[in-house]
Amino acid sequence: MNQEINRIYWKCRRGMREIDLLLREFAQETLPLLDKKDIEIFDSILDYDDQKLFDFIFKNESLENAEHESFINNNLKKFTKQGNF
């Protein structure tokens, strides 16, 4: 599992600064606390391109995947409210 988490940490590194900061902060603080299913969901969310994630997180444009949207709303968006993005 540790190898999987390390792979996901690297996958969080992005080209868009806002998304890079958000994903890496979330991964550092929360990833080790997630259960296997949530880790799999987060890993699949990382397959979206930066612009698609930015548009959902900051503009509320649908990802057309309710499970991913729910995960982001319940987990990632709280990091945007901390004022770093």
C-alpha atoms as a PDB file:
ATOM      1  CA  MET A   1       0.000   0.000   0.000  1.00  0.00           C
ATOM      2  CA  ASN A   2       2.871   2.389   0.743  1.00  0.00           C
ATOM      3  CA  GLN A   3       4.139   2.033  -2.824  1.00  0.00           C
ATOM      4  CA  GLU A   4       0.641   2.830  -4.114  1.00  0.00           C
ATOM      5  CA  ILE A   5       0.450   5.985  -1.986  1.00  0.00           C
ATOM      6  CA  ASN A   6       3.872   7.111  -3.225  1.00  0.00           C
ATOM      7  CA  ARG A   7       2.701   6.617  -6.819  1.00  0.00           C
ATOM      8  CA  ILE A   8      -0.385   8.718  -6.120  1.00  0.00           C
ATOM      9  CA  TYR A   9       1.731  11.477  -4.520  1.00  0.00           C
ATOM     10  CA  TRP A  10       3.675  11.743  -7.776  1.00  0.00           C
ATOM     11  CA  LYS A  11       0.462  11.722  -9.787  1.00  0.00           C
ATOM     12  CA  CYS A  12      -0.690  14.797  -7.800  1.00  0.00           C
ATOM     13  CA  ARG A  13       2.071  16.932  -9.333  1.00  0.00           C
ATOM     14  CA  ARG A  14       0.345  19.015 -11.970  1.00  0.00           C
ATOM     15  CA  GLY A  15       1.026  21.763 -14.496  1.00  0.00           C
ATOM     16  CA  MET A  16      -1.656  24.135 -13.236  1.00  0.00           C
ATOM     17  CA  ARG A  17      -0.477  25.762 -10.007  1.00  0.00           C
ATOM     18  CA  GLU A  18      -3.868  25.887  -8.277  1.00  0.00           C
ATOM     19  CA  ILE A  19      -4.589  22.222  -8.954  1.00  0.00           C
ATOM     20  CA  ASP A  20      -1.029  21.189  -8.062  1.00  0.00           C
ATOM     21  CA  LEU A  21      -1.199  22.924  -4.667  1.00  0.00           C
ATOM     22  CA  LEU A  22      -4.668  21.624  -3.906  1.00  0.00           C
ATOM     23  CA  LEU A  23      -3.959  18.001  -4.802  1.00  0.00           C
ATOM     24  CA  ARG A  24      -0.590  17.857  -3.084  1.00  0.00           C
ATOM     25  CA  GLU A  25      -1.908  19.449   0.115  1.00  0.00           C
ATOM     26  CA  PHE A  26      -4.854  17.058   0.160  1.00  0.00           C
ATOM     27  CA  ALA A  27      -2.583  14.068  -0.488  1.00  0.00           C
ATOM     28  CA  GLN A  28      -0.134  15.003   2.251  1.00  0.00           C
ATOM     29  CA  GLU A  29      -2.785  15.636   4.883  1.00  0.00           C
ATOM     30  CA  THR A  30      -5.505  13.146   3.999  1.00  0.00           C
ATOM     31  CA  LEU A  31      -4.356  10.369   1.686  1.00  0.00           C
ATOM     32  CA  PRO A  32      -2.847   8.160   4.428  1.00  0.00           C
ATOM     33  CA  LEU A  33      -6.168   8.340   6.315  1.00  0.00           C
ATOM     34  CA  LEU A  34      -8.372   7.191   3.428  1.00  0.00           C
ATOM     35  CA  ASP A  35      -9.705   3.678   3.059  1.00  0.00           C
ATOM     36  CA  LYS A  36      -8.867   1.582   0.003  1.00  0.00           C
ATOM     37  CA  LYS A  37     -12.047   2.520  -1.908  1.00  0.00           C
ATOM     38  CA  ASP A  38     -11.497   6.260  -1.400  1.00  0.00           C
ATOM     39  CA  ILE A  39      -7.857   5.915  -2.476  1.00  0.00           C
ATOM     40  CA  GLU A  40      -9.062   4.239  -5.677  1.00  0.00           C
ATOM     41  CA  ILE A  41     -11.582   7.036  -6.284  1.00  0.00           C
ATOM     42  CA  PHE A  42      -8.948   9.718  -5.698  1.00  0.00           C
ATOM     43  CA  ASP A  43      -6.541   7.899  -8.012  1.00  0.00           C
ATOM     44  CA  SER A  44      -9.159   7.848 -10.770  1.00  0.00           C
ATOM     45  CA  ILE A  45      -9.893  11.561 -10.219  1.00  0.00           C
ATOM     46  CA  LEU A  46      -6.228  12.239 -10.923  1.00  0.00           C
ATOM     47  CA  ASP A  47      -6.784  10.948 -14.464  1.00  0.00           C
ATOM     48  CA  TYR A  48      -8.731  14.119 -15.329  1.00  0.00           C
ATOM     49  CA  ASP A  49      -6.764  16.882 -16.989  1.00  0.00           C
ATOM     50  CA  ASP A  50      -6.033  20.014 -14.962  1.00  0.00           C
ATOM     51  CA  GLN A  51      -8.545  22.222 -16.755  1.00  0.00           C
ATOM     52  CA  LYS A  52     -11.418  19.772 -16.226  1.00  0.00           C
ATOM     53  CA  LEU A  53     -10.634  19.573 -12.485  1.00  0.00           C
ATOM     54  CA  PHE A  54     -10.262  23.350 -12.230  1.00  0.00           C
ATOM     55  CA  ASP A  55     -13.598  23.898 -13.968  1.00  0.00           C
ATOM     56  CA  PHE A  56     -15.394  21.557 -11.583  1.00  0.00           C
ATOM     57  CA  ILE A  57     -13.718  22.718  -8.379  1.00  0.00           C
ATOM     58  CA  PHE A  58     -13.801  26.464  -9.014  1.00  0.00           C
ATOM     59  CA  LYS A  59     -16.602  26.908 -11.577  1.00  0.00           C
ATOM     60  CA  ASN A  60     -18.908  23.992 -10.668  1.00  0.00           C
ATOM     61  CA  GLU A  61     -18.897  22.559 -14.196  1.00  0.00           C
ATOM     62  CA  SER A  62     -19.898  18.904 -14.109  1.00  0.00           C
ATOM     63  CA  LEU A  63     -17.433  16.055 -14.431  1.00  0.00           C
ATOM     64  CA  GLU A  64     -20.360  13.855 -15.464  1.00  0.00           C
ATOM     65  CA  ASN A  65     -19.395  11.351 -12.770  1.00  0.00           C
ATOM     66  CA  ALA A  66     -21.440  11.594  -9.560  1.00  0.00           C
ATOM     67  CA  GLU A  67     -19.011   9.508  -7.498  1.00  0.00           C
ATOM     68  CA  HIS A  68     -16.053  11.723  -8.411  1.00  0.00           C
ATOM     69  CA  GLU A  69     -18.036  14.910  -7.880  1.00  0.00           C
ATOM     70  CA  SER A  70     -19.191  13.729  -4.459  1.00  0.00           C
ATOM     71  CA  PHE A  71     -15.646  12.812  -3.415  1.00  0.00           C
ATOM     72  CA  ILE A  72     -14.307  16.200  -4.510  1.00  0.00           C
ATOM     73  CA  ASN A  73     -17.153  18.077  -2.823  1.00  0.00           C
ATOM     74  CA  ASN A  74     -16.730  16.167   0.434  1.00  0.00           C
ATOM     75  CA  ASN A  75     -12.936  16.058   0.550  1.00  0.00           C
ATOM     76  CA  LEU A  76     -11.049  18.404  -1.757  1.00  0.00           C
ATOM     77  CA  LYS A  77     -13.191  21.522  -1.735  1.00  0.00           C
ATOM     78  CA  LYS A  78     -12.622  22.100   1.979  1.00  0.00           C
ATOM     79  CA  PHE A  79      -8.985  22.841   1.110  1.00  0.00           C
ATOM     80  CA  THR A  80     -10.071  25.631  -1.262  1.00  0.00           C
ATOM     81  CA  LYS A  81     -11.870  27.359   1.624  1.00  0.00           C
ATOM     82  CA  GLN A  82      -8.649  27.675   3.603  1.00  0.00           C
ATOM     83  CA  GLY A  83      -7.712  30.620   1.403  1.00  0.00           C
ATOM     84  CA  ASN A  84      -4.665  29.133  -0.297  1.00  0.00           C
ATOM     85  CA  PHE A  85      -6.261  28.967  -3.759  1.00  0.00           C
END
